[in-house]
Protein backbone atom coordinates (compact mmCIF):
# COMPACT_ATOMS: atom_id res chain seq x y z
CA MET A 1 22.48 25.38 -8.61
CA SER A 2 22.96 22.75 -5.92
CA ASN A 3 20.65 21.12 -3.51
CA LYS A 4 21.49 20.16 0.00
CA ILE A 5 20.23 16.79 1.03
CA ASP A 6 19.41 17.23 4.71
CA GLY A 7 17.17 14.28 5.62
CA PHE A 8 13.91 15.92 4.73
CA GLY A 9 11.16 14.69 6.99
CA GLN A 10 13.53 13.14 9.51
CA GLN A 11 11.97 9.73 9.26
CA PRO A 12 14.25 6.71 9.79
CA ALA A 13 14.83 4.59 6.82
CA GLN A 14 13.17 1.14 6.83
CA VAL A 15 15.24 -1.68 5.52
CA SER A 16 14.05 -5.18 5.13
CA GLY A 17 16.14 -8.15 4.00
CA GLY A 18 14.19 -11.01 5.37
CA ARG A 19 10.72 -12.26 5.54
CA ARG A 20 7.93 -9.76 5.99
CA ASP A 21 6.48 -11.68 9.02
CA GLU A 22 9.70 -11.44 10.97
CA ALA A 23 9.84 -8.88 13.82
CA VAL A 24 12.17 -5.93 13.21
CA LYS A 25 14.54 -4.97 16.06
CA ARG A 26 16.23 -1.69 16.52
CA VAL A 27 20.09 -1.82 16.39
CA ASP A 28 20.49 0.66 19.17
CA GLY A 29 18.58 -1.67 21.61
CA GLU A 30 15.63 0.69 22.01
CA ASN A 31 12.45 -1.44 22.21
CA ALA A 32 14.65 -4.49 21.79
CA GLY A 33 12.74 -7.62 21.77
CA HIS A 34 9.46 -5.91 20.92
CA PRO A 35 8.18 -6.58 17.30
CA ARG A 36 7.63 -3.42 15.33
CA SER A 37 4.53 -3.19 13.23
CA VAL A 38 5.08 -3.87 9.53
CA THR A 39 2.87 -1.95 7.17
CA GLU A 40 2.13 -3.27 3.75
CA ASP A 41 2.76 -1.25 0.62
CA GLN A 42 -0.40 -0.12 -1.29
CA VAL A 43 -0.61 1.04 -4.90
CA THR A 44 -3.53 3.29 -5.99
CA LEU A 45 -4.19 3.65 -9.76
CA THR A 46 -5.48 6.82 -11.18
CA ASP A 47 -8.39 6.84 -13.62
CA SER A 48 -6.12 7.20 -16.51
CA ALA A 49 -3.80 4.44 -15.27
CA ARG A 50 -6.93 2.08 -14.97
CA GLN A 51 -8.00 3.05 -18.46
CA LEU A 52 -4.51 2.32 -19.88
CA GLN A 53 -4.56 -0.99 -18.09
CA ARG A 54 -7.96 -1.83 -19.46
CA LEU A 55 -6.89 -0.82 -23.02
CA SER A 56 -3.67 -2.94 -22.60
CA GLU A 57 -5.64 -5.98 -21.71
CA GLU A 58 -8.01 -5.45 -24.57
CA VAL A 59 -5.11 -5.28 -27.02
CA ALA A 60 -3.59 -8.33 -25.49
CA ALA A 61 -6.80 -10.18 -25.93
CA ALA A 62 -7.25 -9.09 -29.60
CA PRO A 63 -6.06 -11.27 -32.40
CA GLU A 64 -2.60 -10.23 -33.73
CA LEU A 65 -3.51 -10.16 -37.37
CA ASP A 66 -6.64 -10.78 -39.38
CA THR A 67 -5.09 -12.38 -42.42
CA ALA A 68 -8.22 -12.61 -44.35
CA ARG A 69 -8.92 -8.93 -43.96
CA VAL A 70 -5.36 -7.95 -44.92
CA ALA A 71 -5.67 -10.10 -48.17
CA ALA A 72 -8.99 -8.51 -49.08
CA LEU A 73 -7.63 -4.98 -48.46
CA ARG A 74 -4.49 -5.69 -50.40
CA GLN A 75 -6.62 -6.97 -53.36
CA ALA A 76 -8.90 -3.83 -53.25
CA ILE A 77 -5.84 -1.61 -53.24
CA GLU A 78 -4.20 -3.44 -56.19
CA ARG A 79 -7.45 -3.14 -58.16
CA GLY A 80 -7.80 0.57 -57.20
CA GLU A 81 -11.13 -0.01 -55.49
CA TYR A 82 -10.03 0.88 -51.98
CA GLN A 83 -11.16 4.39 -50.90
CA VAL A 84 -10.19 6.06 -47.70
CA ASP A 85 -13.21 7.64 -45.83
CA ALA A 86 -11.51 10.80 -44.46
CA ARG A 87 -14.35 11.70 -42.32
CA ARG A 88 -14.39 8.26 -40.65
CA VAL A 89 -10.62 8.43 -40.12
CA ALA A 90 -10.87 11.83 -38.47
CA ASP A 91 -13.87 10.76 -36.35
CA ARG A 92 -11.89 7.81 -35.09
CA MET A 93 -8.79 9.91 -34.34
CA LEU A 94 -10.98 12.43 -32.36
CA ALA A 95 -12.54 9.54 -30.42
CA LEU A 96 -9.18 8.26 -29.56
CA GLU A 97 -7.99 11.60 -28.36
CA HIS A 98 -11.13 11.98 -26.19
CA THR A 99 -10.53 8.53 -24.74
CA LEU A 100 -7.03 9.26 -23.88
CA ALA A 101 -7.83 12.68 -22.49
CA GLY A 102 -10.57 11.13 -20.33
CA LEU A 103 -13.40 13.33 -21.92
């Protein structure tokens, strides 16, 4: 299947190569000498994008590694004293899914 590109919308392309505060002049001379209004780009984040941004910031602020906790867990595992609380793991996984789904 092929798609024909036919200039959908028929809006002229806007090209900028200079400073944003410079006036833009048409090449064909129409409205020559009259500055054209320049609109600024705007980005709108969705709720999930905001949430991901917030989570990213929290992860970046968290310490990389708690060496004392790692050592304590390693010793507990070696002694056979470490037990996994399956219900807690499942609850946390569900909470993560709910957070990511926005529920």
